[in-house]
Amino acid sequence: MPKTPKVAIAYYSGFGHTEVLAKAVEAGATEAGAEVTAVRVDTIDDAGWKALDEADAIIFGSPTYMGSAAGQFHVFAESTSKRWLAMAWKDKLGAGFTNAACKAGDKHSTLAYFATLGAQHQMNWINLGLHPGWHTTTESENDLNRLGYFNGSAATTPADLPPEDVHKADIATAEHLGARVTQHTAIVLAGREALGL
């Protein structure tokens, strides 16, 4: 019987917008068949660390502040150094998501930072796997990947809007990311089982 993928979401949310995305990632992963644990990195405890260590895939999430992930996420990332030294997360799958107030907002820097963090842990990065939406006159802002990011899921929410106003297309894109990570994790687990690894 195929092993159920274990997916952990390690995220920080400053004002609630990124938490909306984290819940969307969780919904997409759960719908695709994963056992999902969401871990807020600013309040992580032993149970949270255990969930990350036991996960087959970890999806990183943070708002983009001043051109990178939030400081609280950086504190968490630095606290993974002992796991890096022990190669505890080697060959896990990884992915990422972010939100910023501006349409560009240097979100690519945050997604690239997540990918680099994953690479340092010798994880295997899963990209968004979508063509850009809303890049021709026949498309609309309601398309998946409406902002045209590829290294992860990105959202933009004007700074004066509450979390409940995160754009529906960005929520759907985050759900897609959760499902995609789960599907690829299932493929990797099945392959390892078939090869006796």
N, C-alpha and C. Protein backbone atom coordinates (compact mmCIF):
# COMPACT_ATOMS: atom_id res chain seq x y z
N MET A 1 0.86 -1.19 0.00
CA MET A 1 0.00 0.00 0.00
C MET A 1 0.90 1.24 0.00
N PRO A 2 0.61 2.22 -0.88
CA PRO A 2 1.47 3.42 -0.95
C PRO A 2 1.47 4.19 0.36
N LYS A 3 2.63 4.72 0.70
CA LYS A 3 2.77 5.51 1.91
C LYS A 3 2.09 6.86 1.72
N THR A 4 1.38 7.32 2.74
CA THR A 4 0.75 8.64 2.69
C THR A 4 1.82 9.71 2.85
N PRO A 5 1.91 10.65 1.90
CA PRO A 5 2.91 11.70 2.03
C PRO A 5 2.67 12.56 3.27
N LYS A 6 3.75 12.85 3.99
CA LYS A 6 3.68 13.76 5.12
C LYS A 6 4.25 15.10 4.67
N VAL A 7 3.40 16.12 4.69
CA VAL A 7 3.79 17.46 4.26
C VAL A 7 3.70 18.41 5.44
N ALA A 8 4.76 19.16 5.68
CA ALA A 8 4.76 20.17 6.73
C ALA A 8 4.84 21.56 6.09
N ILE A 9 4.13 22.50 6.66
CA ILE A 9 4.16 23.89 6.19
C ILE A 9 4.80 24.71 7.30
N ALA A 10 6.00 25.23 7.03
CA ALA A 10 6.73 26.03 8.01
C ALA A 10 6.60 27.49 7.59
N TYR A 11 5.83 28.28 8.34
CA TYR A 11 5.51 29.63 7.86
C TYR A 11 5.47 30.64 8.99
N TYR A 12 5.58 31.90 8.58
CA TYR A 12 5.35 33.04 9.47
C TYR A 12 4.35 33.96 8.78
N SER A 13 3.46 34.56 9.56
CA SER A 13 2.50 35.52 9.03
C SER A 13 2.46 36.72 9.96
N GLY A 14 2.71 37.90 9.40
CA GLY A 14 2.73 39.10 10.21
C GLY A 14 1.35 39.67 10.49
N PHE A 15 0.51 39.77 9.44
CA PHE A 15 -0.80 40.41 9.58
C PHE A 15 -1.95 39.51 9.16
N GLY A 16 -1.67 38.25 8.89
CA GLY A 16 -2.72 37.28 8.58
C GLY A 16 -2.84 36.91 7.12
N HIS A 17 -2.27 37.71 6.21
CA HIS A 17 -2.40 37.41 4.78
C HIS A 17 -1.67 36.14 4.40
N THR A 18 -0.46 35.97 4.93
CA THR A 18 0.31 34.76 4.61
C THR A 18 -0.31 33.53 5.26
N GLU A 19 -0.97 33.72 6.39
CA GLU A 19 -1.68 32.60 7.02
C GLU A 19 -2.82 32.11 6.14
N VAL A 20 -3.50 33.03 5.46
CA VAL A 20 -4.54 32.63 4.50
C VAL A 20 -3.94 31.74 3.43
N LEU A 21 -2.76 32.11 2.95
CA LEU A 21 -2.09 31.29 1.94
C LEU A 21 -1.66 29.95 2.52
N ALA A 22 -1.16 29.96 3.75
CA ALA A 22 -0.76 28.70 4.38
C ALA A 22 -1.94 27.73 4.48
N LYS A 23 -3.10 28.26 4.83
CA LYS A 23 -4.30 27.41 4.91
C LYS A 23 -4.70 26.90 3.54
N ALA A 24 -4.48 27.72 2.50
CA ALA A 24 -4.78 27.28 1.14
C ALA A 24 -3.81 26.18 0.71
N VAL A 25 -2.53 26.34 1.01
CA VAL A 25 -1.55 25.29 0.72
C VAL A 25 -1.95 24.00 1.43
N GLU A 26 -2.33 24.13 2.69
CA GLU A 26 -2.75 22.97 3.48
C GLU A 26 -3.97 22.30 2.86
N ALA A 27 -4.94 23.10 2.42
CA ALA A 27 -6.15 22.53 1.80
C ALA A 27 -5.81 21.78 0.52
N GLY A 28 -4.95 22.36 -0.30
CA GLY A 28 -4.56 21.69 -1.54
C GLY A 28 -3.82 20.40 -1.30
N ALA A 29 -2.91 20.41 -0.32
CA ALA A 29 -2.14 19.21 0.01
C ALA A 29 -3.04 18.14 0.60
N THR A 30 -3.95 18.53 1.48
CA THR A 30 -4.87 17.57 2.10
C THR A 30 -5.78 16.94 1.05
N GLU A 31 -6.31 17.78 0.15
CA GLU A 31 -7.19 17.28 -0.91
C GLU A 31 -6.46 16.28 -1.81
N ALA A 32 -5.16 16.49 -1.98
CA ALA A 32 -4.37 15.60 -2.83
C ALA A 32 -3.92 14.34 -2.10
N GLY A 33 -4.23 14.24 -0.81
CA GLY A 33 -3.97 12.99 -0.09
C GLY A 33 -2.85 13.02 0.93
N ALA A 34 -2.36 14.21 1.28
CA ALA A 34 -1.26 14.29 2.25
C ALA A 34 -1.77 14.36 3.68
N GLU A 35 -0.92 13.94 4.58
CA GLU A 35 -1.09 14.22 6.00
C GLU A 35 -0.32 15.50 6.26
N VAL A 36 -1.01 16.56 6.65
CA VAL A 36 -0.40 17.89 6.68
C VAL A 36 -0.32 18.44 8.11
N THR A 37 0.83 19.02 8.42
CA THR A 37 1.01 19.72 9.69
C THR A 37 1.50 21.13 9.39
N ALA A 38 0.78 22.12 9.88
CA ALA A 38 1.20 23.52 9.73
C ALA A 38 1.93 23.95 10.99
N VAL A 39 3.11 24.56 10.81
CA VAL A 39 3.95 24.96 11.94
C VAL A 39 4.28 26.44 11.80
N ARG A 40 3.82 27.25 12.76
CA ARG A 40 4.23 28.67 12.78
C ARG A 40 5.64 28.75 13.33
N VAL A 41 6.56 29.29 12.54
CA VAL A 41 7.96 29.23 12.93
C VAL A 41 8.31 30.20 14.06
N ASP A 42 7.49 31.22 14.29
CA ASP A 42 7.78 32.16 15.36
C ASP A 42 7.37 31.62 16.73
N THR A 43 6.59 30.54 16.75
CA THR A 43 6.18 29.94 18.02
C THR A 43 6.47 28.43 18.01
N ILE A 44 7.45 28.02 17.22
CA ILE A 44 7.73 26.60 17.06
C ILE A 44 8.14 25.97 18.39
N ASP A 45 7.64 24.75 18.64
CA ASP A 45 7.98 24.01 19.85
C ASP A 45 8.52 22.64 19.44
N ASP A 46 8.74 21.79 20.41
CA ASP A 46 9.31 20.47 20.11
C ASP A 46 8.43 19.67 19.16
N ALA A 47 7.11 19.78 19.33
CA ALA A 47 6.20 19.06 18.43
C ALA A 47 6.32 19.58 17.00
N GLY A 48 6.52 20.90 16.86
CA GLY A 48 6.70 21.47 15.54
C GLY A 48 7.98 20.99 14.88
N TRP A 49 9.08 20.98 15.64
CA TRP A 49 10.34 20.48 15.09
C TRP A 49 10.21 19.02 14.70
N LYS A 50 9.52 18.23 15.51
CA LYS A 50 9.33 16.81 15.21
C LYS A 50 8.55 16.64 13.91
N ALA A 51 7.52 17.47 13.72
CA ALA A 51 6.73 17.40 12.49
C ALA A 51 7.60 17.71 11.27
N LEU A 52 8.47 18.72 11.37
CA LEU A 52 9.34 19.06 10.26
C LEU A 52 10.34 17.93 9.99
N ASP A 53 10.90 17.36 11.06
CA ASP A 53 11.89 16.30 10.90
C ASP A 53 11.29 15.05 10.28
N GLU A 54 10.03 14.78 10.59
CA GLU A 54 9.38 13.56 10.10
C GLU A 54 8.69 13.75 8.76
N ALA A 55 8.59 14.98 8.29
CA ALA A 55 7.89 15.25 7.03
C ALA A 55 8.70 14.74 5.84
N ASP A 56 7.97 14.36 4.80
CA ASP A 56 8.61 14.01 3.52
C ASP A 56 8.86 15.26 2.69
N ALA A 57 8.07 16.30 2.93
CA ALA A 57 8.20 17.56 2.21
C ALA A 57 7.93 18.71 3.18
N ILE A 58 8.68 19.81 3.00
CA ILE A 58 8.47 21.02 3.80
C ILE A 58 8.22 22.18 2.85
N ILE A 59 7.12 22.90 3.07
CA ILE A 59 6.78 24.06 2.27
C ILE A 59 6.99 25.30 3.14
N PHE A 60 7.91 26.16 2.72
CA PHE A 60 8.23 27.37 3.48
C PHE A 60 7.32 28.52 3.07
N GLY A 61 6.92 29.35 4.03
CA GLY A 61 6.08 30.50 3.71
C GLY A 61 6.38 31.69 4.60
N SER A 62 6.36 32.86 4.00
CA SER A 62 6.58 34.11 4.75
C SER A 62 6.12 35.28 3.90
N PRO A 63 5.68 36.37 4.54
CA PRO A 63 5.51 37.59 3.77
C PRO A 63 6.87 38.09 3.31
N THR A 64 6.86 38.88 2.27
CA THR A 64 8.09 39.53 1.82
C THR A 64 8.14 40.92 2.44
N TYR A 65 9.15 41.14 3.28
CA TYR A 65 9.38 42.43 3.91
C TYR A 65 10.77 42.92 3.49
N MET A 66 10.85 44.13 2.98
CA MET A 66 12.14 44.73 2.65
C MET A 66 13.00 43.82 1.78
N GLY A 67 12.37 43.14 0.82
CA GLY A 67 13.10 42.38 -0.18
C GLY A 67 13.48 40.97 0.20
N SER A 68 12.94 40.45 1.30
CA SER A 68 13.26 39.07 1.69
C SER A 68 12.17 38.56 2.62
N ALA A 69 12.36 37.34 3.09
CA ALA A 69 11.43 36.80 4.09
C ALA A 69 11.50 37.63 5.36
N ALA A 70 10.45 37.56 6.16
CA ALA A 70 10.40 38.31 7.42
C ALA A 70 11.53 37.88 8.36
N GLY A 71 11.93 38.79 9.24
CA GLY A 71 12.99 38.50 10.19
C GLY A 71 12.70 37.27 11.03
N GLN A 72 11.43 37.08 11.40
CA GLN A 72 11.06 35.92 12.21
C GLN A 72 11.36 34.62 11.46
N PHE A 73 11.17 34.64 10.13
CA PHE A 73 11.49 33.43 9.36
C PHE A 73 13.00 33.22 9.30
N HIS A 74 13.75 34.32 9.17
CA HIS A 74 15.21 34.19 9.14
C HIS A 74 15.74 33.62 10.45
N VAL A 75 15.15 34.02 11.57
CA VAL A 75 15.56 33.46 12.87
C VAL A 75 15.33 31.95 12.87
N PHE A 76 14.17 31.52 12.38
CA PHE A 76 13.89 30.09 12.27
C PHE A 76 14.92 29.41 11.38
N ALA A 77 15.19 29.99 10.21
CA ALA A 77 16.12 29.37 9.26
C ALA A 77 17.49 29.19 9.89
N GLU A 78 17.95 30.20 10.61
CA GLU A 78 19.25 30.09 11.26
C GLU A 78 19.25 29.01 12.34
N SER A 79 18.09 28.80 12.95
CA SER A 79 18.00 27.79 14.02
C SER A 79 17.98 26.37 13.48
N THR A 80 17.95 26.22 12.13
CA THR A 80 18.01 24.87 11.53
C THR A 80 19.45 24.42 11.30
N SER A 81 20.44 25.17 11.75
CA SER A 81 21.83 24.88 11.40
C SER A 81 22.30 23.52 11.92
N LYS A 82 21.83 23.09 13.08
CA LYS A 82 22.22 21.77 13.57
C LYS A 82 21.64 20.67 12.68
N ARG A 83 20.44 20.90 12.17
CA ARG A 83 19.86 19.94 11.24
C ARG A 83 20.63 19.95 9.92
N TRP A 84 21.09 21.12 9.51
CA TRP A 84 21.92 21.22 8.31
C TRP A 84 23.20 20.41 8.50
N LEU A 85 23.85 20.56 9.65
CA LEU A 85 25.09 19.87 9.92
C LEU A 85 24.90 18.35 9.91
N ALA A 86 23.76 17.90 10.44
CA ALA A 86 23.47 16.47 10.50
C ALA A 86 22.82 15.95 9.22
N MET A 87 22.59 16.84 8.25
CA MET A 87 21.89 16.49 7.00
C MET A 87 20.54 15.81 7.28
N ALA A 88 19.85 16.33 8.31
CA ALA A 88 18.60 15.73 8.76
C ALA A 88 17.47 15.89 7.75
N TRP A 89 17.53 16.92 6.90
CA TRP A 89 16.47 17.15 5.93
C TRP A 89 16.88 16.77 4.50
N LYS A 90 18.01 16.10 4.36
CA LYS A 90 18.51 15.70 3.04
C LYS A 90 17.46 14.88 2.29
N ASP A 91 17.23 15.24 1.04
CA ASP A 91 16.33 14.56 0.11
C ASP A 91 14.85 14.72 0.43
N LYS A 92 14.49 15.56 1.41
CA LYS A 92 13.09 15.95 1.53
C LYS A 92 12.75 16.82 0.32
N LEU A 93 11.48 16.92 -0.01
CA LEU A 93 11.07 17.85 -1.05
C LEU A 93 10.75 19.19 -0.41
N GLY A 94 10.95 20.27 -1.16
CA GLY A 94 10.70 21.60 -0.64
C GLY A 94 9.98 22.47 -1.64
N ALA A 95 9.31 23.49 -1.13
CA ALA A 95 8.61 24.47 -1.97
C ALA A 95 8.37 25.71 -1.13
N GLY A 96 7.83 26.78 -1.75
CA GLY A 96 7.64 28.01 -0.99
C GLY A 96 6.52 28.89 -1.51
N PHE A 97 6.07 29.79 -0.63
CA PHE A 97 5.02 30.76 -1.00
C PHE A 97 5.24 32.04 -0.23
N THR A 98 4.75 33.15 -0.81
CA THR A 98 4.93 34.45 -0.16
C THR A 98 3.83 35.41 -0.59
N ASN A 99 3.72 36.51 0.15
CA ASN A 99 2.77 37.58 -0.13
C ASN A 99 3.46 38.91 0.10
N ALA A 100 3.13 39.90 -0.72
CA ALA A 100 3.62 41.27 -0.50
C ALA A 100 2.54 42.24 -0.95
N ALA A 101 2.63 43.46 -0.49
CA ALA A 101 1.62 44.46 -0.83
C ALA A 101 1.72 44.91 -2.28
N CYS A 102 2.94 45.02 -2.80
CA CYS A 102 3.13 45.46 -4.18
C CYS A 102 3.01 44.28 -5.15
N LYS A 103 2.64 44.57 -6.39
CA LYS A 103 2.49 43.49 -7.37
C LYS A 103 3.80 42.77 -7.61
N ALA A 104 4.90 43.51 -7.68
CA ALA A 104 6.21 42.86 -7.78
C ALA A 104 6.72 42.64 -6.36
N GLY A 105 7.07 43.72 -5.69
CA GLY A 105 7.39 43.64 -4.27
C GLY A 105 8.60 42.79 -3.93
N ASP A 106 9.45 42.47 -4.94
CA ASP A 106 10.64 41.66 -4.71
C ASP A 106 10.32 40.28 -4.12
N LYS A 107 9.13 39.77 -4.45
CA LYS A 107 8.76 38.44 -3.97
C LYS A 107 9.69 37.36 -4.53
N HIS A 108 10.26 37.61 -5.72
CA HIS A 108 11.18 36.63 -6.28
C HIS A 108 12.37 36.41 -5.36
N SER A 109 12.78 37.45 -4.63
CA SER A 109 13.91 37.31 -3.71
C SER A 109 13.58 36.36 -2.57
N THR A 110 12.37 36.44 -2.07
CA THR A 110 11.95 35.55 -0.98
C THR A 110 11.87 34.12 -1.46
N LEU A 111 11.27 33.91 -2.63
CA LEU A 111 11.17 32.55 -3.17
C LEU A 111 12.56 31.97 -3.46
N ALA A 112 13.46 32.81 -3.96
CA ALA A 112 14.83 32.35 -4.22
C ALA A 112 15.53 32.03 -2.90
N TYR A 113 15.27 32.82 -1.87
CA TYR A 113 15.85 32.55 -0.55
C TYR A 113 15.37 31.20 -0.02
N PHE A 114 14.09 30.93 -0.17
CA PHE A 114 13.55 29.63 0.27
C PHE A 114 14.24 28.49 -0.48
N ALA A 115 14.39 28.65 -1.80
CA ALA A 115 15.02 27.60 -2.60
C ALA A 115 16.47 27.39 -2.18
N THR A 116 17.17 28.49 -1.86
CA THR A 116 18.55 28.37 -1.40
C THR A 116 18.62 27.68 -0.05
N LEU A 117 17.71 28.04 0.85
CA LEU A 117 17.65 27.36 2.15
C LEU A 117 17.43 25.86 1.95
N GLY A 118 16.50 25.51 1.06
CA GLY A 118 16.26 24.11 0.77
C GLY A 118 17.50 23.43 0.19
N ALA A 119 18.18 24.11 -0.71
CA ALA A 119 19.38 23.55 -1.33
C ALA A 119 20.48 23.32 -0.29
N GLN A 120 20.61 24.26 0.64
CA GLN A 120 21.62 24.08 1.69
C GLN A 120 21.32 22.85 2.53
N HIS A 121 20.04 22.55 2.70
CA HIS A 121 19.64 21.34 3.43
C HIS A 121 19.62 20.11 2.52
N GLN A 122 20.04 20.27 1.27
CA GLN A 122 20.07 19.18 0.28
C GLN A 122 18.68 18.62 0.01
N MET A 123 17.69 19.52 0.05
CA MET A 123 16.32 19.17 -0.30
C MET A 123 16.15 19.30 -1.82
N ASN A 124 15.08 18.75 -2.34
CA ASN A 124 14.77 18.80 -3.77
C ASN A 124 13.61 19.77 -3.98
N TRP A 125 13.85 20.84 -4.76
CA TRP A 125 12.88 21.92 -4.87
C TRP A 125 11.81 21.61 -5.90
N ILE A 126 10.57 21.89 -5.53
CA ILE A 126 9.42 21.74 -6.43
C ILE A 126 8.95 23.12 -6.84
N ASN A 127 8.98 23.40 -8.14
CA ASN A 127 8.51 24.70 -8.62
C ASN A 127 6.99 24.72 -8.73
N LEU A 128 6.44 25.84 -9.12
CA LEU A 128 4.99 25.99 -9.17
C LEU A 128 4.35 25.15 -10.27
N GLY A 129 5.05 24.96 -11.37
CA GLY A 129 4.52 24.10 -12.43
C GLY A 129 3.34 24.69 -13.18
N LEU A 130 3.33 25.99 -13.33
CA LEU A 130 2.24 26.66 -14.07
C LEU A 130 2.81 27.69 -15.03
N HIS A 131 2.19 27.80 -16.21
CA HIS A 131 2.47 28.94 -17.07
C HIS A 131 1.94 30.20 -16.38
N PRO A 132 2.41 31.37 -16.75
CA PRO A 132 1.86 32.58 -16.15
C PRO A 132 0.43 32.81 -16.61
N GLY A 133 -0.39 33.29 -15.69
CA GLY A 133 -1.73 33.74 -16.07
C GLY A 133 -1.68 35.24 -16.33
N TRP A 134 -2.70 35.76 -16.93
CA TRP A 134 -2.88 37.22 -17.09
C TRP A 134 -1.70 37.88 -17.80
N HIS A 135 -1.15 37.18 -18.81
CA HIS A 135 -0.04 37.78 -19.55
C HIS A 135 -0.37 38.08 -21.00
N THR A 136 -1.64 37.87 -21.37
CA THR A 136 -2.13 38.32 -22.67
C THR A 136 -3.45 39.04 -22.46
N THR A 137 -3.93 39.70 -23.48
CA THR A 137 -5.18 40.45 -23.37
C THR A 137 -6.39 39.52 -23.28
N THR A 138 -6.23 38.25 -23.59
CA THR A 138 -7.35 37.31 -23.52
C THR A 138 -7.44 36.65 -22.15
N GLU A 139 -6.50 36.96 -21.27
CA GLU A 139 -6.50 36.37 -19.93
C GLU A 139 -6.91 37.42 -18.90
N SER A 140 -7.00 36.98 -17.63
CA SER A 140 -7.49 37.91 -16.62
C SER A 140 -6.76 37.73 -15.30
N GLU A 141 -6.99 38.68 -14.39
CA GLU A 141 -6.39 38.61 -13.07
C GLU A 141 -6.95 37.47 -12.23
N ASN A 142 -7.95 36.78 -12.73
CA ASN A 142 -8.52 35.65 -12.01
C ASN A 142 -7.87 34.32 -12.38
N ASP A 143 -6.85 34.36 -13.24
CA ASP A 143 -6.13 33.16 -13.63
C ASP A 143 -5.22 32.67 -12.52
N LEU A 144 -4.97 31.35 -12.50
CA LEU A 144 -3.91 30.82 -11.65
C LEU A 144 -2.59 31.46 -12.06
N ASN A 145 -1.71 31.66 -11.09
CA ASN A 145 -0.41 32.27 -11.31
C ASN A 145 -0.54 33.59 -12.07
N ARG A 146 -1.49 34.40 -11.63
CA ARG A 146 -1.76 35.68 -12.30
C ARG A 146 -0.57 36.63 -12.24
N LEU A 147 0.33 36.43 -11.28
CA LEU A 147 1.49 37.31 -11.13
C LEU A 147 2.72 36.80 -11.87
N GLY A 148 2.64 35.61 -12.43
CA GLY A 148 3.72 35.11 -13.27
C GLY A 148 4.98 34.70 -12.53
N TYR A 149 4.84 34.05 -11.38
CA TYR A 149 6.00 33.53 -10.65
C TYR A 149 6.15 32.03 -10.95
N PHE A 150 7.36 31.53 -10.86
CA PHE A 150 7.62 30.14 -11.23
C PHE A 150 8.28 29.34 -10.11
N ASN A 151 9.04 29.99 -9.25
CA ASN A 151 9.81 29.29 -8.23
C ASN A 151 8.97 28.96 -6.99
N GLY A 152 7.70 29.36 -7.01
CA GLY A 152 6.81 29.12 -5.89
C GLY A 152 5.52 29.89 -6.12
N SER A 153 4.67 29.89 -5.11
CA SER A 153 3.39 30.58 -5.20
C SER A 153 3.52 31.98 -4.61
N ALA A 154 3.04 32.98 -5.35
CA ALA A 154 3.16 34.38 -4.90
C ALA A 154 1.80 35.06 -4.94
N ALA A 155 1.59 35.92 -3.96
CA ALA A 155 0.34 36.67 -3.87
C ALA A 155 0.65 38.14 -3.63
N THR A 156 -0.28 38.98 -4.04
CA THR A 156 -0.18 40.39 -3.71
C THR A 156 -1.49 40.85 -3.10
N THR A 157 -1.38 41.51 -1.95
CA THR A 157 -2.56 42.03 -1.26
C THR A 157 -2.25 43.46 -0.85
N PRO A 158 -2.98 44.45 -1.36
CA PRO A 158 -2.73 45.84 -0.95
C PRO A 158 -2.66 45.96 0.57
N ALA A 159 -1.74 46.79 1.04
CA ALA A 159 -1.44 46.87 2.47
C ALA A 159 -2.63 47.29 3.33
N ASP A 160 -3.60 47.98 2.73
CA ASP A 160 -4.74 48.44 3.52
C ASP A 160 -5.93 47.49 3.47
N LEU A 161 -5.74 46.30 2.89
CA LEU A 161 -6.81 45.32 2.85
C LEU A 161 -6.58 44.24 3.91
N PRO A 162 -7.66 43.74 4.52
CA PRO A 162 -7.53 42.71 5.56
C PRO A 162 -7.26 41.33 4.94
N PRO A 163 -6.87 40.35 5.76
CA PRO A 163 -6.57 39.01 5.25
C PRO A 163 -7.69 38.37 4.45
N GLU A 164 -8.93 38.67 4.81
CA GLU A 164 -10.05 38.05 4.08
C GLU A 164 -10.15 38.55 2.64
N ASP A 165 -9.38 39.58 2.29
CA ASP A 165 -9.39 40.09 0.93
C ASP A 165 -8.20 39.62 0.09
N VAL A 166 -7.47 38.61 0.57
CA VAL A 166 -6.44 38.01 -0.29
C VAL A 166 -7.13 37.54 -1.56
N HIS A 167 -6.54 37.84 -2.71
CA HIS A 167 -7.16 37.57 -4.00
C HIS A 167 -7.44 36.08 -4.18
N LYS A 168 -8.65 35.78 -4.66
CA LYS A 168 -9.07 34.38 -4.82
C LYS A 168 -8.15 33.60 -5.75
N ALA A 169 -7.62 34.26 -6.78
CA ALA A 169 -6.70 33.56 -7.69
C ALA A 169 -5.40 33.21 -6.99
N ASP A 170 -4.95 34.07 -6.07
CA ASP A 170 -3.73 33.78 -5.32
C ASP A 170 -3.97 32.63 -4.35
N ILE A 171 -5.16 32.57 -3.76
CA ILE A 171 -5.51 31.46 -2.88
C ILE A 171 -5.54 30.16 -3.69
N ALA A 172 -6.15 30.20 -4.86
CA ALA A 172 -6.21 29.00 -5.71
C ALA A 172 -4.82 28.57 -6.16
N THR A 173 -3.94 29.52 -6.41
CA THR A 173 -2.57 29.20 -6.80
C THR A 173 -1.83 28.52 -5.65
N ALA A 174 -2.06 28.99 -4.43
CA ALA A 174 -1.46 28.35 -3.26
C ALA A 174 -2.01 26.93 -3.07
N GLU A 175 -3.29 26.75 -3.30
CA GLU A 175 -3.87 25.40 -3.24
C GLU A 175 -3.21 24.49 -4.27
N HIS A 176 -2.99 25.03 -5.46
CA HIS A 176 -2.31 24.27 -6.51
C HIS A 176 -0.92 23.84 -6.05
N LEU A 177 -0.19 24.75 -5.40
CA LEU A 177 1.15 24.41 -4.91
C LEU A 177 1.09 23.25 -3.92
N GLY A 178 0.17 23.32 -2.97
CA GLY A 178 0.04 22.24 -1.99
C GLY A 178 -0.24 20.90 -2.64
N ALA A 179 -1.13 20.91 -3.64
CA ALA A 179 -1.45 19.67 -4.35
C ALA A 179 -0.26 19.17 -5.14
N ARG A 180 0.44 20.07 -5.81
CA ARG A 180 1.59 19.68 -6.63
C ARG A 180 2.70 19.06 -5.77
N VAL A 181 2.98 19.67 -4.63
CA VAL A 181 4.00 19.12 -3.75
C VAL A 181 3.60 17.72 -3.28
N THR A 182 2.33 17.56 -2.92
CA THR A 182 1.85 16.25 -2.48
C THR A 182 1.99 15.22 -3.58
N GLN A 183 1.60 15.57 -4.80
CA GLN A 183 1.69 14.62 -5.92
C GLN A 183 3.13 14.21 -6.18
N HIS A 184 4.04 15.17 -6.18
CA HIS A 184 5.44 14.84 -6.42
C HIS A 184 6.05 14.05 -5.25
N THR A 185 5.61 14.35 -4.05
CA THR A 185 6.08 13.59 -2.90
C THR A 185 5.63 12.14 -3.00
N ALA A 186 4.38 11.93 -3.41
CA ALA A 186 3.87 10.57 -3.58
C ALA A 186 4.68 9.81 -4.64
N ILE A 187 5.04 10.50 -5.72
CA ILE A 187 5.85 9.87 -6.77
C ILE A 187 7.21 9.46 -6.22
N VAL A 188 7.85 10.36 -5.48
CA VAL A 188 9.17 10.07 -4.90
C VAL A 188 9.08 8.91 -3.92
N LEU A 189 8.08 8.90 -3.07
CA LEU A 189 7.94 7.83 -2.08
C LEU A 189 7.72 6.49 -2.78
N ALA A 190 6.88 6.49 -3.79
CA ALA A 190 6.63 5.25 -4.53
C ALA A 190 7.90 4.77 -5.24
N GLY A 191 8.67 5.71 -5.79
CA GLY A 191 9.91 5.35 -6.45
C GLY A 191 10.92 4.76 -5.49
N ARG A 192 11.03 5.37 -4.32
CA ARG A 192 11.96 4.84 -3.32
C ARG A 192 11.56 3.43 -2.88
N GLU A 193 10.24 3.22 -2.71
CA GLU A 193 9.76 1.92 -2.31
C GLU A 193 10.05 0.89 -3.39
N ALA A 194 9.82 1.27 -4.65
CA ALA A 194 10.06 0.34 -5.75
C ALA A 194 11.54 -0.02 -5.87
N LEU A 195 12.40 0.93 -5.56
CA LEU A 195 13.84 0.70 -5.67
C LEU A 195 14.45 0.14 -4.38
N GLY A 196 13.62 0.02 -3.35
CA GLY A 196 14.09 -0.50 -2.08
C GLY A 196 15.02 0.45 -1.34
N LEU A 197 14.78 1.75 -1.53
CA LEU A 197 15.62 2.78 -0.90
C LEU A 197 15.02 3.26 0.43
